[in-house]
Amino acid sequence: MRSITGGCFIIHQSASGDEAVLDECAEMAARRLRESAECIGPVPAPVYKVNDIYRKILYIKCEKCAILDQIRGQIETLAAADTKWQAVQIQYDIS
């Protein structure tokens, strides 16, 4: 029986941000994730908007936790290289 590791990336935008930028960044991250793992989303978080802060979630499944760590690094590199990501924050929950 294979062990599947999973996690989610929660991408949210600052209160002064634009929802369209969040959508674009979430799609960009999803394309990168799909190169290495099974990715569902981006989907709106259960509580999508609070105080003008929008949230999207990317659910990820992979056989090895090391691959998820590698993907996390790639997303951080992508975010550092693109100015759109300045108003976007990413949280990781890998288990």
Protein backbone atom coordinates (compact mmCIF):
# COMPACT_ATOMS: atom_id res chain seq x y z
CA MET A 1 0.00 0.00 0.00
CA ARG A 2 1.41 3.36 -1.04
CA SER A 3 1.51 6.23 1.39
CA ILE A 4 0.18 9.49 0.01
CA THR A 5 1.32 12.77 1.51
CA GLY A 6 -0.95 15.74 1.24
CA GLY A 7 -1.14 19.35 2.03
CA CYS A 8 -2.63 22.61 1.05
CA PHE A 9 -1.39 26.02 0.13
CA ILE A 10 -3.58 28.87 1.30
CA ILE A 11 -3.05 31.97 -0.76
CA HIS A 12 -4.54 35.18 0.57
CA GLN A 13 -4.35 38.82 -0.30
CA SER A 14 -3.94 41.89 1.86
CA ALA A 15 -6.96 44.05 2.63
CA SER A 16 -5.89 46.63 0.06
CA GLY A 17 -5.42 44.02 -2.67
CA ASP A 18 -7.29 43.27 -5.85
CA GLU A 19 -9.20 39.99 -6.10
CA ALA A 20 -8.14 39.58 -9.75
CA VAL A 21 -4.46 39.56 -8.74
CA LEU A 22 -5.20 36.82 -6.19
CA ASP A 23 -6.91 34.75 -8.89
CA GLU A 24 -3.98 35.21 -11.26
CA CYS A 25 -1.38 34.28 -8.62
CA ALA A 26 -3.38 31.23 -7.51
CA GLU A 27 -3.66 30.00 -11.11
CA MET A 28 0.07 30.58 -11.65
CA ALA A 29 0.87 28.52 -8.54
CA ALA A 30 -1.55 25.76 -9.60
CA ARG A 31 0.13 25.44 -13.01
CA ARG A 32 3.51 25.06 -11.30
CA LEU A 33 2.14 22.51 -8.83
CA ARG A 34 0.55 20.35 -11.53
CA GLU A 35 3.99 19.78 -13.06
CA SER A 36 5.02 17.66 -10.03
CA ALA A 37 1.94 16.60 -8.08
CA GLU A 38 -1.80 16.15 -8.17
CA CYS A 39 -3.40 19.52 -7.53
CA ILE A 40 -7.03 20.41 -6.90
CA GLY A 41 -7.90 24.05 -7.19
CA PRO A 42 -7.50 26.85 -6.74
CA VAL A 43 -10.84 26.91 -4.95
CA PRO A 44 -12.31 29.58 -2.71
CA ALA A 45 -11.62 28.94 0.98
CA PRO A 46 -14.65 28.03 3.11
CA VAL A 47 -14.56 31.59 4.39
CA TYR A 48 -13.57 33.32 1.16
CA LYS A 49 -13.68 36.98 2.16
CA VAL A 50 -13.29 38.62 5.55
CA ASN A 51 -12.59 42.35 5.92
CA ASP A 52 -11.69 42.58 2.22
CA ILE A 53 -9.13 39.78 2.53
CA TYR A 54 -9.73 37.06 -0.07
CA ARG A 55 -8.52 33.46 0.27
CA LYS A 56 -7.96 30.64 -2.22
CA ILE A 57 -6.79 27.10 -1.46
CA LEU A 58 -4.75 24.65 -3.51
CA TYR A 59 -4.97 21.03 -2.34
CA ILE A 60 -1.98 18.87 -3.20
CA LYS A 61 -1.36 15.12 -3.15
CA CYS A 62 1.99 13.50 -3.70
CA GLU A 63 3.79 10.28 -2.78
CA LYS A 64 6.77 11.95 -1.14
CA CYS A 65 6.91 14.79 1.35
CA ALA A 66 10.26 15.85 -0.13
CA ILE A 67 8.52 16.67 -3.41
CA LEU A 68 6.05 18.90 -1.56
CA ASP A 69 8.96 20.71 0.11
CA GLN A 70 10.57 21.15 -3.29
CA ILE A 71 7.31 22.55 -4.72
CA ARG A 72 7.04 24.95 -1.77
CA GLY A 73 10.50 26.26 -2.63
CA GLN A 74 9.55 26.68 -6.29
CA ILE A 75 6.41 28.64 -5.38
CA GLU A 76 8.44 30.89 -3.06
CA THR A 77 10.95 31.51 -5.86
CA LEU A 78 8.12 32.27 -8.28
CA ALA A 79 6.57 34.69 -5.78
CA ALA A 80 9.89 36.48 -5.17
CA ALA A 81 10.44 36.99 -8.90
CA ASP A 82 7.03 38.52 -9.73
CA THR A 83 5.82 41.87 -8.39
CA LYS A 84 2.17 40.73 -8.45
CA TRP A 85 2.93 38.54 -5.45
CA GLN A 86 3.87 41.50 -3.22
CA ALA A 87 0.30 41.87 -1.96
CA VAL A 88 -0.20 38.09 -1.70
CA GLN A 89 0.77 35.84 1.19
CA ILE A 90 1.07 32.06 1.17
CA GLN A 91 0.53 29.66 4.06
CA TYR A 92 1.58 26.02 3.85
CA ASP A 93 0.07 23.03 5.61
CA ILE A 94 1.97 19.91 4.63
CA SER A 95 1.29 16.70 6.52
